[in-house]
Amino acid sequence: MLFVNSEPEDVWYHMQNVGTDLDLLFMDEDMKVISKKRGKANDPTPIKESGVMFVLEIAPNDKIHVGDEGDLDDDESNYVMKILAPDGST
């Protein structure tokens, strides 16, 4: 799931009532991953980050790293988010 803020801000999320672990990718206004944090299933502990424009929840994945960038493709009926490595590969 992708969460979009109207401008960069300080955010916090929790995993209470979520039955599976997820990675949360916190991204700035340029869609650059500024941090990646693991959310544990059913954990009410806040997961905080500052200066966030986008948050993408994904299945736990060690292939995405801080510094990677997102790219949002729009074909008018469907949005596709891609995470790009620093060399531009997906």
N, C-alpha and C. Protein backbone atom coordinates (compact mmCIF):
# COMPACT_ATOMS: atom_id res chain seq x y z
N MET A 1 0.84 -1.15 0.00
CA MET A 1 0.00 0.00 0.00
C MET A 1 0.90 1.23 0.00
N LEU A 2 0.52 2.23 -0.76
CA LEU A 2 1.27 3.47 -0.83
C LEU A 2 0.48 4.58 -0.14
N PHE A 3 1.13 5.27 0.79
CA PHE A 3 0.55 6.42 1.47
C PHE A 3 1.25 7.66 0.94
N VAL A 4 0.47 8.69 0.60
CA VAL A 4 1.02 9.92 0.04
C VAL A 4 0.60 11.09 0.91
N ASN A 5 1.59 11.87 1.37
CA ASN A 5 1.32 13.09 2.12
C ASN A 5 1.28 14.26 1.15
N SER A 6 0.59 15.32 1.50
CA SER A 6 0.51 16.49 0.63
C SER A 6 1.82 17.27 0.61
N GLU A 7 2.63 17.09 1.65
CA GLU A 7 3.96 17.68 1.73
C GLU A 7 4.78 16.85 2.70
N PRO A 8 6.11 16.96 2.64
CA PRO A 8 6.93 16.17 3.57
C PRO A 8 6.60 16.51 5.02
N GLU A 9 6.50 15.50 5.86
CA GLU A 9 6.17 15.70 7.26
C GLU A 9 6.70 14.58 8.13
N ASP A 10 6.63 14.78 9.43
CA ASP A 10 6.99 13.74 10.39
C ASP A 10 5.81 12.79 10.50
N VAL A 11 6.07 11.50 10.42
CA VAL A 11 4.99 10.51 10.43
C VAL A 11 5.30 9.41 11.44
N TRP A 12 4.26 8.68 11.80
CA TRP A 12 4.44 7.45 12.58
C TRP A 12 3.34 6.48 12.20
N TYR A 13 3.73 5.23 12.16
CA TYR A 13 2.83 4.12 11.82
C TYR A 13 3.00 3.06 12.89
N HIS A 14 2.03 2.18 12.99
CA HIS A 14 2.14 1.03 13.88
C HIS A 14 1.56 -0.18 13.18
N MET A 15 1.83 -1.34 13.71
CA MET A 15 1.41 -2.59 13.08
C MET A 15 0.32 -3.30 13.87
N GLN A 16 -0.27 -2.60 14.84
CA GLN A 16 -1.34 -3.20 15.62
C GLN A 16 -2.45 -3.64 14.67
N ASN A 17 -2.96 -4.83 14.86
CA ASN A 17 -4.02 -5.42 14.03
C ASN A 17 -3.58 -5.77 12.61
N VAL A 18 -2.28 -5.78 12.36
CA VAL A 18 -1.75 -6.24 11.07
C VAL A 18 -1.12 -7.61 11.33
N GLY A 19 -1.60 -8.63 10.65
CA GLY A 19 -1.23 -10.00 10.97
C GLY A 19 0.06 -10.52 10.37
N THR A 20 0.82 -9.67 9.69
CA THR A 20 2.07 -10.13 9.08
C THR A 20 3.12 -9.03 9.16
N ASP A 21 4.38 -9.41 9.19
CA ASP A 21 5.45 -8.42 9.15
C ASP A 21 5.44 -7.71 7.79
N LEU A 22 5.80 -6.44 7.80
CA LEU A 22 5.93 -5.65 6.58
C LEU A 22 7.16 -4.77 6.69
N ASP A 23 7.77 -4.46 5.56
CA ASP A 23 8.78 -3.42 5.51
C ASP A 23 8.08 -2.12 5.15
N LEU A 24 8.46 -1.06 5.82
CA LEU A 24 7.94 0.27 5.51
C LEU A 24 9.07 1.07 4.89
N LEU A 25 8.85 1.53 3.67
CA LEU A 25 9.83 2.36 2.97
C LEU A 25 9.38 3.80 3.10
N PHE A 26 10.19 4.61 3.76
CA PHE A 26 9.89 6.02 3.94
C PHE A 26 10.67 6.78 2.87
N MET A 27 9.96 7.60 2.07
CA MET A 27 10.57 8.29 0.94
C MET A 27 10.32 9.79 1.01
N ASP A 28 11.29 10.55 0.48
CA ASP A 28 11.16 12.00 0.46
C ASP A 28 10.36 12.46 -0.77
N GLU A 29 10.32 13.77 -1.00
CA GLU A 29 9.52 14.31 -2.11
C GLU A 29 10.07 13.89 -3.48
N ASP A 30 11.32 13.47 -3.55
CA ASP A 30 11.90 12.98 -4.80
C ASP A 30 11.74 11.47 -4.95
N MET A 31 11.01 10.85 -4.03
CA MET A 31 10.76 9.41 -3.99
C MET A 31 12.03 8.63 -3.70
N LYS A 32 13.01 9.26 -3.06
CA LYS A 32 14.23 8.59 -2.63
C LYS A 32 13.97 7.93 -1.28
N VAL A 33 14.35 6.67 -1.13
CA VAL A 33 14.16 5.95 0.12
C VAL A 33 15.11 6.54 1.17
N ILE A 34 14.52 7.16 2.21
CA ILE A 34 15.34 7.76 3.26
C ILE A 34 15.51 6.82 4.45
N SER A 35 14.59 5.86 4.59
CA SER A 35 14.78 4.81 5.59
C SER A 35 13.87 3.64 5.26
N LYS A 36 14.28 2.49 5.79
CA LYS A 36 13.51 1.24 5.63
C LYS A 36 13.43 0.63 7.02
N LYS A 37 12.20 0.40 7.48
CA LYS A 37 12.02 -0.14 8.83
C LYS A 37 11.08 -1.33 8.78
N ARG A 38 11.39 -2.33 9.57
CA ARG A 38 10.57 -3.54 9.65
C ARG A 38 9.47 -3.35 10.67
N GLY A 39 8.24 -3.52 10.22
CA GLY A 39 7.10 -3.51 11.12
C GLY A 39 6.76 -4.95 11.49
N LYS A 40 6.69 -5.22 12.78
CA LYS A 40 6.39 -6.57 13.26
C LYS A 40 4.89 -6.75 13.43
N ALA A 41 4.39 -7.90 13.04
CA ALA A 41 2.96 -8.19 13.12
C ALA A 41 2.40 -7.91 14.51
N ASN A 42 1.28 -7.21 14.55
CA ASN A 42 0.51 -6.93 15.77
C ASN A 42 1.27 -6.11 16.82
N ASP A 43 2.31 -5.40 16.41
CA ASP A 43 3.10 -4.59 17.33
C ASP A 43 2.55 -3.16 17.37
N PRO A 44 2.11 -2.68 18.54
CA PRO A 44 1.57 -1.33 18.64
C PRO A 44 2.64 -0.24 18.77
N THR A 45 3.91 -0.62 18.80
CA THR A 45 4.99 0.35 18.96
C THR A 45 5.06 1.27 17.73
N PRO A 46 5.08 2.60 17.94
CA PRO A 46 5.16 3.51 16.79
C PRO A 46 6.46 3.37 16.02
N ILE A 47 6.36 3.45 14.71
CA ILE A 47 7.50 3.47 13.81
C ILE A 47 7.53 4.89 13.24
N LYS A 48 8.57 5.65 13.59
CA LYS A 48 8.60 7.08 13.29
C LYS A 48 9.67 7.42 12.27
N GLU A 49 9.38 8.48 11.49
CA GLU A 49 10.37 9.01 10.55
C GLU A 49 10.01 10.47 10.26
N SER A 50 11.02 11.26 9.90
CA SER A 50 10.84 12.68 9.62
C SER A 50 11.05 12.98 8.14
N GLY A 51 10.40 14.04 7.65
CA GLY A 51 10.59 14.50 6.28
C GLY A 51 10.05 13.56 5.23
N VAL A 52 8.92 12.93 5.51
CA VAL A 52 8.37 11.87 4.66
C VAL A 52 7.24 12.38 3.77
N MET A 53 7.34 12.09 2.49
CA MET A 53 6.28 12.40 1.53
C MET A 53 5.49 11.14 1.15
N PHE A 54 6.20 10.00 1.05
CA PHE A 54 5.58 8.74 0.66
C PHE A 54 5.99 7.64 1.63
N VAL A 55 5.06 6.73 1.91
CA VAL A 55 5.36 5.52 2.67
C VAL A 55 4.80 4.35 1.86
N LEU A 56 5.66 3.39 1.58
CA LEU A 56 5.25 2.21 0.84
C LEU A 56 5.41 1.00 1.74
N GLU A 57 4.32 0.27 1.95
CA GLU A 57 4.35 -0.98 2.71
C GLU A 57 4.55 -2.12 1.73
N ILE A 58 5.55 -2.96 2.02
CA ILE A 58 5.83 -4.10 1.14
C ILE A 58 6.11 -5.33 1.99
N ALA A 59 6.04 -6.49 1.35
CA ALA A 59 6.46 -7.72 2.02
C ALA A 59 7.94 -7.57 2.37
N PRO A 60 8.38 -8.16 3.48
CA PRO A 60 9.80 -8.05 3.85
C PRO A 60 10.70 -8.41 2.67
N ASN A 61 11.64 -7.51 2.37
CA ASN A 61 12.44 -7.62 1.16
C ASN A 61 13.80 -6.98 1.42
N ASP A 62 14.86 -7.73 1.30
CA ASP A 62 16.19 -7.19 1.54
C ASP A 62 16.82 -6.58 0.29
N LYS A 63 16.10 -6.54 -0.82
CA LYS A 63 16.66 -6.04 -2.06
C LYS A 63 16.51 -4.53 -2.21
N ILE A 64 15.70 -3.89 -1.39
CA ILE A 64 15.50 -2.45 -1.47
C ILE A 64 16.29 -1.81 -0.34
N HIS A 65 17.01 -0.73 -0.66
CA HIS A 65 17.93 -0.11 0.29
C HIS A 65 17.72 1.39 0.38
N VAL A 66 18.17 1.97 1.47
CA VAL A 66 18.20 3.42 1.61
C VAL A 66 19.02 3.97 0.44
N GLY A 67 18.51 5.00 -0.20
CA GLY A 67 19.17 5.58 -1.36
C GLY A 67 18.54 5.18 -2.68
N ASP A 68 17.81 4.05 -2.71
CA ASP A 68 17.08 3.67 -3.91
C ASP A 68 15.98 4.71 -4.14
N GLU A 69 15.50 4.81 -5.37
CA GLU A 69 14.46 5.78 -5.70
C GLU A 69 13.24 5.09 -6.26
N GLY A 70 12.10 5.69 -6.02
CA GLY A 70 10.85 5.19 -6.56
C GLY A 70 10.52 5.86 -7.88
N ASP A 71 9.71 5.22 -8.68
CA ASP A 71 9.24 5.77 -9.93
C ASP A 71 7.78 5.37 -10.05
N LEU A 72 6.91 6.33 -10.28
CA LEU A 72 5.48 6.06 -10.35
C LEU A 72 5.03 6.16 -11.80
N ASP A 73 4.69 5.02 -12.41
CA ASP A 73 4.17 5.00 -13.78
C ASP A 73 2.67 5.17 -13.72
N ASP A 74 2.13 5.99 -14.62
CA ASP A 74 0.69 6.26 -14.66
C ASP A 74 0.19 6.02 -16.08
N ASP A 75 -0.67 5.04 -16.24
CA ASP A 75 -1.27 4.82 -17.56
C ASP A 75 -2.73 5.22 -17.56
N GLU A 76 -3.12 6.14 -16.67
CA GLU A 76 -4.45 6.71 -16.52
C GLU A 76 -5.45 5.77 -15.86
N SER A 77 -5.25 4.47 -15.91
CA SER A 77 -6.19 3.57 -15.26
C SER A 77 -5.53 2.74 -14.17
N ASN A 78 -4.19 2.81 -14.10
CA ASN A 78 -3.47 1.96 -13.17
C ASN A 78 -2.14 2.62 -12.83
N TYR A 79 -1.83 2.71 -11.55
CA TYR A 79 -0.54 3.25 -11.12
C TYR A 79 0.37 2.09 -10.74
N VAL A 80 1.62 2.17 -11.13
CA VAL A 80 2.61 1.15 -10.81
C VAL A 80 3.80 1.84 -10.17
N MET A 81 4.16 1.41 -8.95
CA MET A 81 5.33 1.94 -8.26
C MET A 81 6.48 1.00 -8.48
N LYS A 82 7.62 1.54 -8.92
CA LYS A 82 8.84 0.76 -9.08
C LYS A 82 9.90 1.39 -8.17
N ILE A 83 10.73 0.57 -7.57
CA ILE A 83 11.86 1.05 -6.79
C ILE A 83 13.11 0.81 -7.62
N LEU A 84 13.89 1.88 -7.83
CA LEU A 84 15.07 1.82 -8.65
C LEU A 84 16.32 1.84 -7.80
N ALA A 85 17.25 0.97 -8.09
CA ALA A 85 18.55 0.97 -7.44
C ALA A 85 19.33 2.20 -7.92
N PRO A 86 20.39 2.57 -7.21
CA PRO A 86 21.17 3.74 -7.64
C PRO A 86 21.65 3.68 -9.08
N ASP A 87 21.84 2.47 -9.63
CA ASP A 87 22.27 2.35 -11.03
C ASP A 87 21.10 2.38 -12.00
N GLY A 88 19.87 2.57 -11.49
CA GLY A 88 18.68 2.67 -12.34
C GLY A 88 17.98 1.35 -12.60
N SER A 89 18.54 0.24 -12.12
CA SER A 89 17.89 -1.05 -12.33
C SER A 89 16.72 -1.23 -11.36
N THR A 90 15.78 -2.10 -11.72
CA THR A 90 14.63 -2.36 -10.85
C THR A 90 14.79 -3.68 -10.16
